[in-house]
Amino acid sequence: MKCIVGTKIGMTQVFTIEGKRIPVTIIHCEPNQIVAVHSKQKQNVDGVQVGYQTIDEKKLSKPALGVFKKNNITPKRHLFTLTNIAGKVGDFIKVNTFTKGEFVDVQGTTKGRGTTGAIKLWNFKIGPLSHGAGYLHRFQGSVAFGRGGSAPQRVPKGKKMAARYGHEIVTIQSLIIVDVLEKYDVILIYGAIPGPKGSIVFISSSLKKPNKKVEYTIISKEIQEEILKQNESLENKEALHAANLEAEEKAKKEAEAEEARKQAEALAREKEKQAAEKAANKDKEEKK
């Protein structure tokens, strides 16, 4: 099983080479360094303890700092236990653990919204909105039951009422990794994931393990440059073709003009010849 700790940066959109727009969540995963290895015998869990986000050692207490100095590891802000993962102390878990098209489960803590009324929290129906309503429009209604005597007047356990909303650990399953940017320690995941910007999330291999693998060819800078080159080449070909057509049209017009000029000269010579013959015939008649 694979797992990594990351920070939610926010959402954006990318485009595939076919022109499809894909909404993605950007997760920055600073390399997770293994601080300790846990076993079933000692810690009652198989896995590793990883440190996340480098921090100045002045900001840690001496007991917390001792965990890192013991193994000569740079102090980290957070310590998390990742189960069913093997490794040695000092090793790093990086984004290249995952690949494009892989299905993963993402766990995060949702946004906390504080105390919320029953209408919004439990989707209760609101009261009449007319002016004659005898109570608040968003009043949730009676919460107790019983009329005294053998029927107790109390609020049953688990009654849906106003309560705190949000700030819960939620896991979204079977999300697709659109791209892994190893250069920037970033993973792009299709769709939304729980939690506000800057919150910590856990990415792990999908438990449902879908058989299919979906890959998207994202338009990167390299692909954009290649497309621009192809477009420029196509534009050059079209421009050359247009220039050739224009040259052919110009040559055709020049040939037609030359032909018209020759015909006009021939016609003028013919007229001159006829005029000369006519003048000669006239002279002969006068001499007679």
C-alpha atoms as a PDB file:
ATOM      1  CA  MET A   1       0.000   0.000   0.000  1.00  0.00           C
ATOM      2  CA  LYS A   2       1.178   3.532  -0.793  1.00  0.00           C
ATOM      3  CA  CYS A   3       0.517   6.650   1.249  1.00  0.00           C
ATOM      4  CA  ILE A   4       1.792  10.231   1.480  1.00  0.00           C
ATOM      5  CA  VAL A   5       0.969  13.365   3.473  1.00  0.00           C
ATOM      6  CA  GLY A   6       0.354  16.620   1.612  1.00  0.00           C
ATOM      7  CA  THR A   7      -1.070  20.137   1.834  1.00  0.00           C
ATOM      8  CA  LYS A   8      -4.103  21.269  -0.143  1.00  0.00           C
ATOM      9  CA  ILE A   9      -3.168  24.338  -2.192  1.00  0.00           C
ATOM     10  CA  GLY A  10      -6.486  24.885  -3.952  1.00  0.00           C
ATOM     11  CA  MET A  11      -8.296  24.091  -7.182  1.00  0.00           C
ATOM     12  CA  THR A  12      -7.643  24.979 -10.808  1.00  0.00           C
ATOM     13  CA  GLN A  13      -8.412  23.600 -14.248  1.00  0.00           C
ATOM     14  CA  VAL A  14      -6.279  21.933 -16.876  1.00  0.00           C
ATOM     15  CA  PHE A  15      -6.974  21.010 -20.487  1.00  0.00           C
ATOM     16  CA  THR A  16      -6.340  17.740 -22.271  1.00  0.00           C
ATOM     17  CA  ILE A  17      -4.898  17.547 -25.742  1.00  0.00           C
ATOM     18  CA  GLU A  18      -8.425  16.718 -26.995  1.00  0.00           C
ATOM     19  CA  GLY A  19      -9.685  20.044 -25.575  1.00  0.00           C
ATOM     20  CA  LYS A  20     -11.535  18.653 -22.533  1.00  0.00           C
ATOM     21  CA  ARG A  21     -11.482  20.829 -19.415  1.00  0.00           C
ATOM     22  CA  ILE A  22     -10.707  19.005 -16.162  1.00  0.00           C
ATOM     23  CA  PRO A  23     -11.140  20.467 -12.631  1.00  0.00           C
ATOM     24  CA  VAL A  24      -8.229  19.431 -10.432  1.00  0.00           C
ATOM     25  CA  THR A  25      -7.100  19.920  -6.846  1.00  0.00           C
ATOM     26  CA  ILE A  26      -3.448  20.870  -6.341  1.00  0.00           C
ATOM     27  CA  ILE A  27      -1.739  19.047  -3.480  1.00  0.00           C
ATOM     28  CA  HIS A  28       1.819  19.937  -2.507  1.00  0.00           C
ATOM     29  CA  CYS A  29       3.584  16.961  -0.937  1.00  0.00           C
ATOM     30  CA  GLU A  30       6.853  17.915   0.690  1.00  0.00           C
ATOM     31  CA  PRO A  31       8.943  14.706   0.908  1.00  0.00           C
ATOM     32  CA  ASN A  32       7.816  12.722   3.983  1.00  0.00           C
ATOM     33  CA  GLN A  33      10.837  11.531   5.963  1.00  0.00           C
ATOM     34  CA  ILE A  34      10.576   8.337   7.993  1.00  0.00           C
ATOM     35  CA  VAL A  35      11.350   9.118  11.645  1.00  0.00           C
ATOM     36  CA  ALA A  36      10.577   5.741  13.205  1.00  0.00           C
ATOM     37  CA  VAL A  37       9.474   2.250  12.214  1.00  0.00           C
ATOM     38  CA  HIS A  38       6.560   0.733  14.155  1.00  0.00           C
ATOM     39  CA  SER A  39       5.924  -2.965  14.660  1.00  0.00           C
ATOM     40  CA  LYS A  40       2.968  -5.023  15.796  1.00  0.00           C
ATOM     41  CA  GLN A  41       4.847  -6.241  18.865  1.00  0.00           C
ATOM     42  CA  LYS A  42       5.898  -2.854  20.263  1.00  0.00           C
ATOM     43  CA  GLN A  43       3.464  -0.229  18.946  1.00  0.00           C
ATOM     44  CA  ASN A  44       0.623  -2.643  18.081  1.00  0.00           C
ATOM     45  CA  VAL A  45       0.645  -1.399  14.484  1.00  0.00           C
ATOM     46  CA  ASP A  46       2.720  -2.168  11.409  1.00  0.00           C
ATOM     47  CA  GLY A  47       3.903   0.941   9.602  1.00  0.00           C
ATOM     48  CA  VAL A  48       6.166   3.956   9.835  1.00  0.00           C
ATOM     49  CA  GLN A  49       6.112   7.319  11.563  1.00  0.00           C
ATOM     50  CA  VAL A  50       6.846  10.167   9.143  1.00  0.00           C
ATOM     51  CA  GLY A  51       7.737  13.791   9.716  1.00  0.00           C
ATOM     52  CA  TYR A  52       6.132  16.461   7.568  1.00  0.00           C
ATOM     53  CA  GLN A  53       7.042  20.133   6.971  1.00  0.00           C
ATOM     54  CA  THR A  54      10.491  21.280   8.089  1.00  0.00           C
ATOM     55  CA  ILE A  55      10.507  23.603  11.109  1.00  0.00           C
ATOM     56  CA  ASP A  56      13.093  25.566  13.092  1.00  0.00           C
ATOM     57  CA  GLU A  57      14.259  23.522  16.077  1.00  0.00           C
ATOM     58  CA  LYS A  58      13.760  26.579  18.340  1.00  0.00           C
ATOM     59  CA  LYS A  59      10.020  26.122  17.937  1.00  0.00           C
ATOM     60  CA  LEU A  60      10.023  22.598  19.373  1.00  0.00           C
ATOM     61  CA  SER A  61      10.227  21.450  22.980  1.00  0.00           C
ATOM     62  CA  LYS A  62      13.241  19.426  24.086  1.00  0.00           C
ATOM     63  CA  PRO A  63      11.323  16.116  24.295  1.00  0.00           C
ATOM     64  CA  ALA A  64       9.920  16.645  20.778  1.00  0.00           C
ATOM     65  CA  LEU A  65      13.319  17.668  19.474  1.00  0.00           C
ATOM     66  CA  GLY A  66      14.913  14.574  20.999  1.00  0.00           C
ATOM     67  CA  VAL A  67      12.885  12.325  18.664  1.00  0.00           C
ATOM     68  CA  PHE A  68      14.637  13.877  15.661  1.00  0.00           C
ATOM     69  CA  LYS A  69      18.122  14.299  17.155  1.00  0.00           C
ATOM     70  CA  LYS A  70      18.092  10.647  18.133  1.00  0.00           C
ATOM     71  CA  ASN A  71      18.142   9.642  14.459  1.00  0.00           C
ATOM     72  CA  ASN A  72      19.928  12.778  13.144  1.00  0.00           C
ATOM     73  CA  ILE A  73      16.846  13.984  11.232  1.00  0.00           C
ATOM     74  CA  THR A  74      15.854  17.574  10.455  1.00  0.00           C
ATOM     75  CA  PRO A  75      13.053  18.686  12.851  1.00  0.00           C
ATOM     76  CA  LYS A  76       9.536  18.440  11.436  1.00  0.00           C
ATOM     77  CA  ARG A  77       6.346  20.260  12.358  1.00  0.00           C
ATOM     78  CA  HIS A  78       4.051  17.207  12.230  1.00  0.00           C
ATOM     79  CA  LEU A  79       4.407  13.508  12.982  1.00  0.00           C
ATOM     80  CA  PHE A  80       2.000  10.992  11.442  1.00  0.00           C
ATOM     81  CA  THR A  81       1.798   7.215  11.518  1.00  0.00           C
ATOM     82  CA  LEU A  82       1.226   5.567   8.150  1.00  0.00           C
ATOM     83  CA  THR A  83       0.162   1.927   8.388  1.00  0.00           C
ATOM     84  CA  ASN A  84       1.061  -0.997   6.126  1.00  0.00           C
ATOM     85  CA  ILE A  85       4.113   0.802   4.765  1.00  0.00           C
ATOM     86  CA  ALA A  86       7.670  -0.507   4.892  1.00  0.00           C
ATOM     87  CA  GLY A  87      10.817   1.584   5.028  1.00  0.00           C
ATOM     88  CA  LYS A  88      13.955   2.548   6.928  1.00  0.00           C
ATOM     89  CA  VAL A  89      14.588   5.495   9.224  1.00  0.00           C
ATOM     90  CA  GLY A  90      15.772   8.467   7.178  1.00  0.00           C
ATOM     91  CA  ASP A  91      14.130   7.371   3.909  1.00  0.00           C
ATOM     92  CA  PHE A  92      11.856   9.754   2.015  1.00  0.00           C
ATOM     93  CA  ILE A  93       8.397   9.153   0.580  1.00  0.00           C
ATOM     94  CA  LYS A  94       8.031  11.373  -2.506  1.00  0.00           C
ATOM     95  CA  VAL A  95       5.341  12.140  -5.060  1.00  0.00           C
ATOM     96  CA  ASN A  96       6.896   9.767  -7.586  1.00  0.00           C
ATOM     97  CA  THR A  97       5.488   6.965  -5.413  1.00  0.00           C
ATOM     98  CA  PHE A  98       2.257   7.552  -7.357  1.00  0.00           C
ATOM     99  CA  THR A  99       1.734   7.552 -11.124  1.00  0.00           C
ATOM    100  CA  LYS A 100      -0.637   9.220 -13.580  1.00  0.00           C
ATOM    101  CA  GLY A 101      -4.002   7.527 -13.980  1.00  0.00           C
ATOM    102  CA  GLU A 102      -3.816   5.778 -10.613  1.00  0.00           C
ATOM    103  CA  PHE A 103      -6.885   5.649  -8.344  1.00  0.00           C
ATOM    104  CA  VAL A 104      -6.394   6.955  -4.791  1.00  0.00           C
ATOM    105  CA  ASP A 105      -8.370   7.690  -1.617  1.00  0.00           C
ATOM    106  CA  VAL A 106      -7.946  11.183  -0.143  1.00  0.00           C
ATOM    107  CA  GLN A 107      -8.687  11.919   3.513  1.00  0.00           C
ATOM    108  CA  GLY A 108      -9.011  15.391   4.945  1.00  0.00           C
ATOM    109  CA  THR A 109     -10.779  17.480   7.592  1.00  0.00           C
ATOM    110  CA  THR A 110     -13.753  19.431   6.300  1.00  0.00           C
ATOM    111  CA  LYS A 111     -14.231  23.155   6.867  1.00  0.00           C
ATOM    112  CA  GLY A 112     -15.604  23.983  10.327  1.00  0.00           C
ATOM    113  CA  ARG A 113     -18.793  26.044  10.184  1.00  0.00           C
ATOM    114  CA  GLY A 114     -19.538  26.346  13.900  1.00  0.00           C
ATOM    115  CA  THR A 115     -22.983  25.998  15.461  1.00  0.00           C
ATOM    116  CA  THR A 116     -25.584  25.573  12.732  1.00  0.00           C
ATOM    117  CA  GLY A 117     -29.374  25.508  12.853  1.00  0.00           C
ATOM    118  CA  ALA A 118     -31.352  22.337  12.210  1.00  0.00           C
ATOM    119  CA  ILE A 119     -32.759  23.653   8.916  1.00  0.00           C
ATOM    120  CA  LYS A 120     -29.316  23.854   7.303  1.00  0.00           C
ATOM    121  CA  LEU A 121     -27.698  20.992   9.213  1.00  0.00           C
ATOM    122  CA  TRP A 122     -30.410  18.347   8.744  1.00  0.00           C
ATOM    123  CA  ASN A 123     -32.261  19.805   5.744  1.00  0.00           C
ATOM    124  CA  PHE A 124     -35.514  20.231   7.701  1.00  0.00           C
ATOM    125  CA  LYS A 125     -38.496  21.883   6.019  1.00  0.00           C
ATOM    126  CA  ILE A 126     -39.015  25.560   6.884  1.00  0.00           C
ATOM    127  CA  GLY A 127     -42.304  26.912   8.270  1.00  0.00           C
ATOM    128  CA  PRO A 128     -44.902  29.008   6.407  1.00  0.00           C
ATOM    129  CA  LEU A 129     -43.493  32.283   5.077  1.00  0.00           C
ATOM    130  CA  SER A 130     -46.774  34.202   5.397  1.00  0.00           C
ATOM    131  CA  HIS A 131     -47.140  37.043   7.929  1.00  0.00           C
ATOM    132  CA  GLY A 132     -49.682  35.045   9.876  1.00  0.00           C
ATOM    133  CA  ALA A 133     -47.146  32.434  10.942  1.00  0.00           C
ATOM    134  CA  GLY A 134     -47.124  32.311  14.731  1.00  0.00           C
ATOM    135  CA  TYR A 135     -43.445  31.340  15.055  1.00  0.00           C
ATOM    136  CA  LEU A 136     -40.109  31.829  13.394  1.00  0.00           C
ATOM    137  CA  HIS A 137     -39.984  30.633   9.792  1.00  0.00           C
ATOM    138  CA  ARG A 138     -36.829  28.585  10.400  1.00  0.00           C
ATOM    139  CA  PHE A 139     -37.934  27.156  13.745  1.00  0.00           C
ATOM    140  CA  GLN A 140     -37.184  23.425  13.911  1.00  0.00           C
ATOM    141  CA  GLY A 141     -40.335  22.519  15.847  1.00  0.00           C
ATOM    142  CA  SER A 142     -40.970  20.420  18.930  1.00  0.00           C
ATOM    143  CA  VAL A 143     -38.077  18.364  20.302  1.00  0.00           C
ATOM    144  CA  ALA A 144     -39.721  16.607  23.268  1.00  0.00           C
ATOM    145  CA  PHE A 145     -42.541  14.092  23.563  1.00  0.00           C
ATOM    146  CA  GLY A 146     -44.927  12.874  26.263  1.00  0.00           C
ATOM    147  CA  ARG A 147     -47.832  14.423  28.152  1.00  0.00           C
ATOM    148  CA  GLY A 148     -46.850  13.555  31.707  1.00  0.00           C
ATOM    149  CA  GLY A 149     -47.895  10.594  33.798  1.00  0.00           C
ATOM    150  CA  SER A 150     -46.639   7.344  32.323  1.00  0.00           C
ATOM    151  CA  ALA A 151     -45.359   9.112  29.215  1.00  0.00           C
ATOM    152  CA  PRO A 152     -42.172  10.960  30.243  1.00  0.00           C
ATOM    153  CA  GLN A 153     -41.584  14.505  29.033  1.00  0.00           C
ATOM    154  CA  ARG A 154     -38.046  14.412  27.721  1.00  0.00           C
ATOM    155  CA  VAL A 155     -35.884  14.807  24.628  1.00  0.00           C
ATOM    156  CA  PRO A 156     -34.930  11.405  23.151  1.00  0.00           C
ATOM    157  CA  LYS A 157     -31.287  10.542  22.605  1.00  0.00           C
ATOM    158  CA  GLY A 158     -29.997  11.280  19.138  1.00  0.00           C
ATOM    159  CA  LYS A 159     -32.634  13.911  18.403  1.00  0.00           C
ATOM    160  CA  LYS A 160     -31.652  16.009  15.371  1.00  0.00           C
ATOM    161  CA  MET A 161     -31.193  19.566  16.629  1.00  0.00           C
ATOM    162  CA  ALA A 162     -28.907  22.539  16.095  1.00  0.00           C
ATOM    163  CA  ALA A 163     -25.286  21.428  16.502  1.00  0.00           C
ATOM    164  CA  ARG A 164     -21.760  21.931  15.303  1.00  0.00           C
ATOM    165  CA  TYR A 165     -21.386  21.526  11.546  1.00  0.00           C
ATOM    166  CA  GLY A 166     -18.174  20.557   9.751  1.00  0.00           C
ATOM    167  CA  HIS A 167     -14.650  19.899  11.070  1.00  0.00           C
ATOM    168  CA  GLU A 168     -15.018  16.170  10.448  1.00  0.00           C
ATOM    169  CA  ILE A 169     -12.594  13.641   8.988  1.00  0.00           C
ATOM    170  CA  VAL A 170     -13.932  12.678   5.567  1.00  0.00           C
ATOM    171  CA  THR A 171     -12.498  10.276   2.985  1.00  0.00           C
ATOM    172  CA  ILE A 172     -13.245  10.566  -0.733  1.00  0.00           C
ATOM    173  CA  GLN A 173     -12.631   7.276  -2.528  1.00  0.00           C
ATOM    174  CA  SER A 174     -11.446   6.356  -6.006  1.00  0.00           C
ATOM    175  CA  LEU A 175     -10.186   9.716  -7.248  1.00  0.00           C
ATOM    176  CA  ILE A 176      -7.938   9.811 -10.319  1.00  0.00           C
ATOM    177  CA  ILE A 177      -4.430  11.243 -10.355  1.00  0.00           C
ATOM    178  CA  VAL A 178      -4.375  13.498 -13.421  1.00  0.00           C
ATOM    179  CA  ASP A 179      -0.672  14.355 -13.260  1.00  0.00           C
ATOM    180  CA  VAL A 180       2.384  14.067 -11.008  1.00  0.00           C
ATOM    181  CA  LEU A 181       4.744  17.065 -11.166  1.00  0.00           C
ATOM    182  CA  GLU A 182       7.839  15.600  -9.561  1.00  0.00           C
ATOM    183  CA  LYS A 183       9.854  18.784 -10.162  1.00  0.00           C
ATOM    184  CA  TYR A 184       7.503  20.791  -7.901  1.00  0.00           C
ATOM    185  CA  ASP A 185       6.454  17.973  -5.485  1.00  0.00           C
ATOM    186  CA  VAL A 186       2.860  18.425  -6.660  1.00  0.00           C
ATOM    187  CA  ILE A 187       0.052  15.974  -7.384  1.00  0.00           C
ATOM    188  CA  LEU A 188      -3.010  16.971  -9.437  1.00  0.00           C
ATOM    189  CA  ILE A 189      -6.157  15.028  -8.482  1.00  0.00           C
ATOM    190  CA  TYR A 190      -9.403  15.036 -10.466  1.00  0.00           C
ATOM    191  CA  GLY A 191     -12.235  16.802  -8.607  1.00  0.00           C
ATOM    192  CA  ALA A 192     -12.603  18.315  -5.146  1.00  0.00           C
ATOM    193  CA  ILE A 193     -11.288  16.975  -1.861  1.00  0.00           C
ATOM    194  CA  PRO A 194     -12.374  17.848   1.697  1.00  0.00           C
ATOM    195  CA  GLY A 195     -10.761  20.646   3.685  1.00  0.00           C
ATOM    196  CA  PRO A 196      -9.895  24.334   3.317  1.00  0.00           C
ATOM    197  CA  LYS A 197      -6.816  25.669   1.566  1.00  0.00           C
ATOM    198  CA  GLY A 198      -3.662  24.953   3.535  1.00  0.00           C
ATOM    199  CA  SER A 199      -5.127  21.922   5.329  1.00  0.00           C
ATOM    200  CA  ILE A 200      -3.283  18.620   5.609  1.00  0.00           C
ATOM    201  CA  VAL A 201      -4.572  15.663   3.590  1.00  0.00           C
ATOM    202  CA  PHE A 202      -3.594  12.001   3.289  1.00  0.00           C
ATOM    203  CA  ILE A 203      -3.320  10.332  -0.119  1.00  0.00           C
ATOM    204  CA  SER A 204      -3.351   6.535  -0.173  1.00  0.00           C
ATOM    205  CA  SER A 205      -3.914   3.711  -2.641  1.00  0.00           C
ATOM    206  CA  SER A 206      -7.575   3.114  -3.399  1.00  0.00           C
ATOM    207  CA  LEU A 207      -9.112   0.340  -1.289  1.00  0.00           C
ATOM    208  CA  LYS A 208     -11.654  -0.491  -3.995  1.00  0.00           C
ATOM    209  CA  LYS A 209      -8.820  -1.090  -6.462  1.00  0.00           C
ATOM    210  CA  PRO A 210     -10.598  -0.424  -9.796  1.00  0.00           C
ATOM    211  CA  ASN A 211      -9.282  -2.572 -12.614  1.00  0.00           C
ATOM    212  CA  LYS A 212      -9.190   0.259 -15.130  1.00  0.00           C
ATOM    213  CA  LYS A 213      -6.523   2.956 -15.320  1.00  0.00           C
ATOM    214  CA  VAL A 214      -7.489   6.367 -16.699  1.00  0.00           C
ATOM    215  CA  GLU A 215      -4.783   8.633 -18.123  1.00  0.00           C
ATOM    216  CA  TYR A 216      -5.204  12.197 -19.358  1.00  0.00           C
ATOM    217  CA  THR A 217      -2.687  13.843 -21.671  1.00  0.00           C
ATOM    218  CA  ILE A 218      -2.442  17.340 -20.246  1.00  0.00           C
ATOM    219  CA  ILE A 219      -1.335  20.222 -22.432  1.00  0.00           C
ATOM    220  CA  SER A 220       2.040  21.016 -20.861  1.00  0.00           C
ATOM    221  CA  LYS A 221       4.510  23.687 -21.975  1.00  0.00           C
ATOM    222  CA  GLU A 222       6.311  21.178 -24.187  1.00  0.00           C
ATOM    223  CA  ILE A 223       3.072  20.118 -25.869  1.00  0.00           C
ATOM    224  CA  GLN A 224       2.016  23.761 -26.252  1.00  0.00           C
ATOM    225  CA  GLU A 225       5.335  24.588 -27.947  1.00  0.00           C
ATOM    226  CA  GLU A 226       4.949  21.590 -30.263  1.00  0.00           C
ATOM    227  CA  ILE A 227       1.386  22.619 -31.163  1.00  0.00           C
ATOM    228  CA  LEU A 228       2.580  26.209 -31.807  1.00  0.00           C
ATOM    229  CA  LYS A 229       5.330  24.890 -34.077  1.00  0.00           C
ATOM    230  CA  GLN A 230       2.829  22.769 -35.972  1.00  0.00           C
ATOM    231  CA  ASN A 231       0.464  25.736 -36.272  1.00  0.00           C
ATOM    232  CA  GLU A 232       3.310  27.961 -37.489  1.00  0.00           C
ATOM    233  CA  SER A 233       4.299  25.316 -40.029  1.00  0.00           C
ATOM    234  CA  LEU A 234       0.684  25.027 -41.171  1.00  0.00           C
ATOM    235  CA  GLU A 235       0.375  28.813 -41.371  1.00  0.00           C
ATOM    236  CA  ASN A 236       3.599  28.964 -43.398  1.00  0.00           C
ATOM    237  CA  LYS A 237       2.279  26.295 -45.772  1.00  0.00           C
ATOM    238  CA  GLU A 238      -1.009  28.150 -46.151  1.00  0.00           C
ATOM    239  CA  ALA A 239       0.830  31.436 -46.729  1.00  0.00           C
ATOM    240  CA  LEU A 240       3.086  29.780 -49.333  1.00  0.00           C
ATOM    241  CA  HIS A 241       0.066  28.244 -51.055  1.00  0.00           C
ATOM    242  CA  ALA A 242      -1.706  31.628 -51.065  1.00  0.00           C
ATOM    243  CA  ALA A 243       1.425  33.289 -52.468  1.00  0.00           C
ATOM    244  CA  ASN A 244       1.650  30.656 -55.222  1.00  0.00           C
ATOM    245  CA  LEU A 245      -2.004  31.170 -56.114  1.00  0.00           C
ATOM    246  CA  GLU A 246      -1.493  34.930 -56.202  1.00  0.00           C
ATOM    247  CA  ALA A 247       1.586  34.549 -58.419  1.00  0.00           C
ATOM    248  CA  GLU A 248      -0.288  32.221 -60.790  1.00  0.00           C
ATOM    249  CA  GLU A 249      -3.208  34.654 -60.934  1.00  0.00           C
ATOM    250  CA  LYS A 250      -0.819  37.548 -61.614  1.00  0.00           C
ATOM    251  CA  ALA A 251       0.984  35.594 -64.351  1.00  0.00           C
ATOM    252  CA  LYS A 252      -2.352  34.663 -65.925  1.00  0.00           C
ATOM    253  CA  LYS A 253      -3.490  38.285 -65.954  1.00  0.00           C
ATOM    254  CA  GLU A 254      -0.165  39.404 -67.473  1.00  0.00           C
ATOM    255  CA  ALA A 255      -0.459  36.735 -70.180  1.00  0.00           C
ATOM    256  CA  GLU A 256      -4.018  37.828 -70.957  1.00  0.00           C
ATOM    257  CA  ALA A 257      -2.890  41.477 -71.107  1.00  0.00           C
ATOM    258  CA  GLU A 258      -0.016  40.555 -73.443  1.00  0.00           C
ATOM    259  CA  GLU A 259      -2.374  38.573 -75.657  1.00  0.00           C
ATOM    260  CA  ALA A 260      -4.813  41.492 -75.776  1.00  0.00           C
ATOM    261  CA  ARG A 261      -1.954  43.887 -76.668  1.00  0.00           C
ATOM    262  CA  LYS A 262      -0.789  41.606 -79.499  1.00  0.00           C
ATOM    263  CA  GLN A 263      -4.326  41.318 -80.842  1.00  0.00           C
ATOM    264  CA  ALA A 264      -4.710  45.109 -80.703  1.00  0.00           C
ATOM    265  CA  GLU A 265      -1.392  45.583 -82.600  1.00  0.00           C
ATOM    266  CA  ALA A 266      -2.423  43.008 -85.217  1.00  0.00           C
ATOM    267  CA  LEU A 267      -5.786  44.719 -85.644  1.00  0.00           C
ATOM    268  CA  ALA A 268      -4.050  48.119 -86.006  1.00  0.00           C
ATOM    269  CA  ARG A 269      -1.675  46.715 -88.655  1.00  0.00           C
ATOM    270  CA  GLU A 270      -4.586  45.175 -90.511  1.00  0.00           C
ATOM    271  CA  LYS A 271      -6.424  48.509 -90.505  1.00  0.00           C
ATOM    272  CA  GLU A 272      -3.278  50.319 -91.748  1.00  0.00           C
ATOM    273  CA  LYS A 273      -2.877  47.742 -94.534  1.00  0.00           C
ATOM    274  CA  GLN A 274      -6.505  48.107 -95.583  1.00  0.00           C
ATOM    275  CA  ALA A 275      -6.202  51.911 -95.516  1.00  0.00           C
ATOM    276  CA  ALA A 276      -3.032  51.734 -97.684  1.00  0.00           C
ATOM    277  CA  GLU A 277      -4.710  49.391-100.204  1.00  0.00           C
ATOM    278  CA  LYS A 278      -7.723  51.675-100.338  1.00  0.00           C
ATOM    279  CA  ALA A 279      -5.503  54.702-100.956  1.00  0.00           C
ATOM    280  CA  ALA A 280      -3.601  52.847-103.725  1.00  0.00           C
ATOM    281  CA  ASN A 281      -6.818  51.818-105.461  1.00  0.00           C
ATOM    282  CA  LYS A 282      -8.012  55.413-105.291  1.00  0.00           C
ATOM    283  CA  ASP A 283      -4.783  56.667-106.924  1.00  0.00           C
ATOM    284  CA  LYS A 284      -5.128  54.133-109.743  1.00  0.00           C
ATOM    285  CA  GLU A 285      -8.680  55.239-110.434  1.00  0.00           C
ATOM    286  CA  GLU A 286      -7.639  58.900-110.518  1.00  0.00           C
ATOM    287  CA  LYS A 287      -4.798  58.181-113.009  1.00  0.00           C
ATOM    288  CA  LYS A 288      -7.233  56.430-115.322  1.00  0.00           C
END
